[in-house]
Protein backbone atom coordinates (compact mmCIF):
# COMPACT_ATOMS: atom_id res chain seq x y z
CA MET A 1 14.79 18.75 -11.82
CA ALA A 2 13.68 15.01 -11.17
CA THR A 3 12.24 14.16 -8.15
CA LEU A 4 11.38 11.13 -5.78
CA THR A 5 8.02 11.66 -4.55
CA TYR A 6 6.23 9.09 -2.20
CA PHE A 7 2.54 9.05 -1.96
CA ALA A 8 1.41 7.13 1.44
CA GLY A 9 -1.86 6.19 2.68
CA THR A 10 -3.79 3.50 4.21
CA MET A 11 -5.87 1.10 2.14
CA ASP A 12 -8.92 2.49 0.39
CA SER A 13 -7.09 6.02 0.07
CA GLY A 14 -6.78 6.07 -3.63
CA LYS A 15 -3.23 5.28 -4.08
CA SER A 16 -3.58 2.99 -7.29
CA THR A 17 -6.33 5.33 -8.63
CA LEU A 18 -3.73 8.22 -8.41
CA ALA A 19 -0.92 6.47 -9.83
CA LEU A 20 -2.71 5.80 -12.96
CA GLN A 21 -4.29 9.08 -13.05
CA MET A 22 -0.51 10.41 -12.72
CA ASN A 23 0.52 8.36 -15.32
CA HIS A 24 -2.21 9.57 -17.74
CA ASN A 25 -1.11 13.13 -17.16
CA HIS A 26 1.92 12.58 -17.81
CA SER A 27 1.68 10.52 -21.11
CA GLU A 28 -0.68 13.12 -22.27
CA ARG A 29 2.06 15.77 -22.34
CA GLY A 30 4.48 13.44 -24.37
CA ARG A 31 6.24 11.80 -21.58
CA ARG A 32 7.04 8.35 -21.45
CA GLY A 33 7.22 6.12 -18.45
CA VAL A 34 7.03 2.67 -17.37
CA ILE A 35 4.62 1.31 -14.61
CA PHE A 36 5.86 -0.88 -12.05
CA THR A 37 3.86 -2.81 -9.35
CA ARG A 38 4.20 -5.90 -7.27
CA SER A 39 1.77 -8.38 -5.65
CA ASP A 40 -1.43 -6.35 -7.01
CA ARG A 41 -4.38 -8.26 -5.53
CA ALA A 42 -5.66 -8.30 -9.34
CA GLY A 43 -2.75 -10.61 -10.13
CA GLU A 44 0.50 -10.34 -11.79
CA GLY A 45 1.73 -7.47 -13.89
CA VAL A 46 -1.27 -5.16 -13.42
CA VAL A 47 -2.24 -2.10 -11.47
CA SER A 48 -5.65 -2.28 -10.15
CA SER A 49 -7.94 0.43 -8.43
CA ARG A 50 -10.90 -0.54 -6.28
CA LEU A 51 -12.92 1.66 -8.49
CA GLY A 52 -12.45 -0.60 -11.45
CA LEU A 53 -9.44 1.02 -13.31
CA ARG A 54 -6.48 -1.41 -14.79
CA HIS A 55 -3.27 -1.01 -16.43
CA GLN A 56 -0.82 -3.27 -17.43
CA ALA A 57 2.48 -2.90 -15.46
CA VAL A 58 5.99 -4.59 -15.17
CA GLU A 59 5.90 -6.91 -12.11
CA VAL A 60 8.63 -6.27 -9.45
CA THR A 61 10.42 -9.33 -8.09
CA ASP A 62 13.21 -9.81 -5.75
CA ALA A 63 15.58 -9.81 -8.53
CA THR A 64 14.18 -6.60 -10.17
CA ASN A 65 16.85 -3.88 -10.64
CA PHE A 66 15.49 -0.45 -11.50
CA TRP A 67 18.79 1.14 -12.51
CA HIS A 68 19.40 -1.77 -15.31
CA GLU A 69 15.51 -1.81 -16.06
CA VAL A 70 15.99 2.05 -17.16
CA ILE A 71 19.69 1.47 -18.74
CA GLU A 72 18.40 -1.39 -20.95
CA ARG A 73 15.50 0.71 -22.26
CA ARG A 74 17.64 3.48 -22.99
CA THR A 75 20.26 1.44 -24.64
CA ARG A 76 17.69 0.13 -27.02
CA GLY A 77 16.58 3.41 -27.70
CA GLY A 78 13.53 3.87 -25.67
CA VAL A 79 12.82 7.06 -23.53
CA VAL A 80 12.18 6.91 -20.23
CA ASP A 81 11.35 10.21 -18.32
CA TYR A 82 9.46 8.81 -15.24
CA LEU A 83 8.62 5.71 -13.47
CA VAL A 84 4.97 4.93 -11.56
CA CYS A 85 6.19 2.42 -8.85
CA ASP A 86 2.62 1.27 -7.20
CA GLU A 87 2.66 -1.12 -4.12
CA ALA A 88 6.02 0.44 -3.21
CA GLN A 89 5.88 -0.81 0.47
CA PHE A 90 6.94 -4.48 -1.08
CA TYR A 91 9.86 -3.01 -2.74
CA SER A 92 13.31 -3.67 -0.95
CA GLU A 93 15.46 -1.26 0.67
CA GLU A 94 17.94 -1.78 -2.17
CA GLN A 95 15.39 -1.29 -4.94
CA VAL A 96 14.21 2.04 -3.20
CA ASP A 97 18.13 3.26 -3.26
CA GLN A 98 18.06 2.39 -6.86
CA LEU A 99 15.26 4.49 -7.57
CA ALA A 100 16.95 7.39 -5.96
CA ARG A 101 20.19 7.03 -7.88
CA LEU A 102 17.82 6.99 -11.25
CA VAL A 103 16.45 10.44 -9.80
CA ASP A 104 19.98 12.12 -9.22
CA GLU A 105 21.85 10.55 -11.99
CA LEU A 106 19.40 10.17 -14.94
CA GLU A 107 16.80 12.86 -13.95
CA VAL A 108 14.35 9.93 -14.14
CA ASP A 109 10.94 11.38 -12.05
CA VAL A 110 10.02 8.57 -9.94
CA PHE A 111 6.47 8.44 -8.32
CA ALA A 112 6.00 5.84 -5.73
CA PHE A 113 2.88 4.84 -4.25
CA GLY A 114 2.36 2.58 -0.92
CA ILE A 115 1.17 1.65 2.37
CA THR A 116 3.48 2.97 5.30
CA THR A 117 2.93 0.44 7.90
CA ASP A 118 1.70 -3.36 7.94
CA PHE A 119 -1.04 -5.01 9.84
CA ARG A 120 1.03 -5.20 13.05
CA THR A 121 1.74 -1.30 12.83
CA ARG A 122 5.36 -1.91 11.95
CA LEU A 123 6.84 0.06 9.01
CA PHE A 124 7.50 -1.91 5.78
CA PRO A 125 10.97 -2.02 4.61
CA GLY A 126 10.47 -0.22 1.32
CA SER A 127 8.12 2.30 3.12
CA ALA A 128 10.79 3.09 5.68
CA ARG A 129 13.20 3.76 3.06
CA LEU A 130 11.23 5.81 0.94
CA VAL A 131 10.26 8.12 4.09
CA GLU A 132 14.29 8.29 4.58
CA LEU A 133 15.03 9.03 0.87
CA ALA A 134 12.34 10.65 -0.57
CA ASP A 135 12.29 14.43 -1.74
CA ARG A 136 8.81 14.56 -0.70
CA VAL A 137 6.39 12.69 1.22
CA GLU A 138 2.74 13.10 0.57
CA VAL A 139 -0.17 11.75 2.62
CA LEU A 140 -3.07 11.06 0.51
CA GLN A 141 -6.02 13.48 1.41
CA VAL A 142 -8.84 10.96 0.56
CA GLN A 143 -9.62 9.89 3.81
CA ALA A 144 -10.38 5.94 4.32
CA LEU A 145 -12.94 5.29 6.85
CA CYS A 146 -12.91 2.89 9.77
CA TRP A 147 -16.42 1.43 10.34
CA CYS A 148 -17.19 3.56 13.02
CA GLY A 149 -16.93 6.48 10.83
CA ARG A 150 -13.48 8.00 12.25
CA ARG A 151 -10.42 8.55 9.63
CA ALA A 152 -8.91 5.01 9.29
CA THR A 153 -5.19 5.04 10.12
CA HIS A 154 -4.48 1.36 10.54
CA ASN A 155 -4.54 -1.76 8.29
CA ALA A 156 -5.93 -4.77 9.90
CA ARG A 157 -5.60 -8.57 8.58
CA THR A 158 -8.61 -10.42 9.24
CA LEU A 159 -9.00 -14.39 9.14
CA ASP A 160 -12.62 -15.07 8.48
CA GLY A 161 -13.44 -11.81 9.63
CA ALA A 162 -11.21 -11.76 12.97
CA MET A 163 -8.44 -9.49 13.34
CA VAL A 164 -4.92 -11.20 13.35
CA THR A 165 -1.99 -9.74 14.65
CA VAL A 166 0.73 -12.49 13.77
CA GLY A 167 1.74 -13.91 10.28
CA GLU A 168 3.81 -13.37 7.55
CA GLN A 169 4.43 -9.60 6.57
CA VAL A 170 3.35 -9.75 3.18
CA VAL A 171 -0.04 -11.90 2.11
CA VAL A 172 -2.28 -10.61 -0.57
CA GLY A 173 -5.82 -9.81 0.82
CA ASP A 174 -9.13 -11.12 -0.81
CA THR A 175 -7.23 -13.67 -2.83
CA ALA A 176 -5.30 -15.75 -0.21
CA GLU A 177 -6.71 -18.53 1.26
CA LEU A 178 -4.81 -20.07 4.36
CA GLU A 179 -5.28 -23.75 5.84
CA THR A 180 -7.05 -21.75 8.66
CA GLY A 181 -9.55 -19.49 6.84
CA VAL A 182 -9.40 -16.61 4.27
CA VAL A 183 -7.44 -13.68 4.65
CA GLY A 184 -8.81 -10.26 3.87
CA TYR A 185 -8.01 -6.58 5.47
CA GLU A 186 -9.83 -4.00 6.65
CA VAL A 187 -8.90 -0.33 7.71
CA LEU A 188 -9.42 1.11 11.31
CA CYS A 189 -8.90 3.94 13.26
CA ARG A 190 -6.32 3.46 15.97
CA ARG A 191 -9.11 3.01 18.82
CA HIS A 192 -10.38 -0.19 17.02
CA HIS A 193 -7.41 -1.52 15.75
CA MET A 194 -5.77 -1.66 19.47
CA ARG A 195 -9.22 -3.26 20.60
CA ARG A 196 -9.18 -5.71 17.82
CA MET A 197 -12.54 -4.52 16.70
CA THR A 198 -13.52 -5.32 13.28
CA ALA A 199 -16.78 -4.27 11.48
CA SER A 200 -17.79 -8.16 12.07
CA SER A 201 -16.73 -8.22 15.73
CA ALA A 202 -18.51 -4.77 16.23
CA ARG A 203 -21.80 -6.51 15.05
CA ALA A 204 -21.25 -9.45 17.12
CA VAL A 205 -21.27 -7.42 20.54
CA SER A 206 -24.29 -5.00 19.08
CA PRO A 207 -27.78 -5.60 19.09
CA SER A 208 -28.09 -3.41 16.27
CA PRO A 209 -26.50 -4.13 12.71
CA ASP A 210 -25.12 -0.95 12.33
CA PRO A 211 -23.44 -0.32 15.93
CA LEU A 212 -22.73 3.38 17.10
CA PRO A 213 -19.18 3.43 17.89
CA LEU A 214 -19.05 5.92 20.79
CA GLU A 215 -21.55 3.53 22.65
CA LEU A 216 -19.06 0.50 22.47
CA GLU A 217 -16.85 -0.19 24.92
CA THR A 218 -16.33 -3.72 24.88
CA CYS A 219 -14.35 -5.94 22.87
CA PRO A 220 -14.31 -9.81 22.51
CA VAL A 221 -10.63 -9.91 22.57
CA PRO A 222 -8.11 -8.29 24.86
CA PRO A 223 -6.17 -5.56 23.20
CA PRO A 224 -2.80 -6.09 22.40
CA ARG A 225 -0.20 -3.90 23.45
CA TYR A 226 1.85 -2.08 20.83
CA GLY A 227 5.11 -3.03 22.02
CA ASP A 228 4.28 -6.68 22.40
CA ARG A 229 6.17 -8.31 19.19
CA SER A 230 4.84 -11.97 19.63
């Protein structure tokens, strides 16, 4: 039976790499699928891995209807056995509902890959809906690491290297440049996310270029409270 599987992880945990590997494995067995993505850092209509792998994909927009996408392909005589959906955190709740309907009514396997929470530690709408509907949620076993060496569990947005906790939920990192600086992203453990301590800010308060995390007890910015939405 077809399933809706959500593969969740932080940045640097290999989501896009696994998505491309999943597509390769299924296509090698004669199955035919479609790869979707949204707002990949490499540009429109492409799934890119930090390891350098790339594959063409269908760009998801607010107007994308996955049910119609599959029905249209099948009406033209195409075969759709599965969907690979990268950057699924950016999908709308309605689009996730469409994916679940494809699984239940058309027996199309859906493999969704995404980040669960944003830079403010809030759930993305698409990720929240996937957790609610998925037949299976798998946390990727490749552990992204904080600069301190601990397992990274939180995604941080930086502006010219300094962590920020306000702003639009979706801003593509490594490519976006705002009036106030260059936007980037960094994975942190919970301890250093709460302290707003990125790798660059840690170096600023340590005499060593590679500070030992367990010895650092200071932070240049007062730690935020998670309950504060401002």
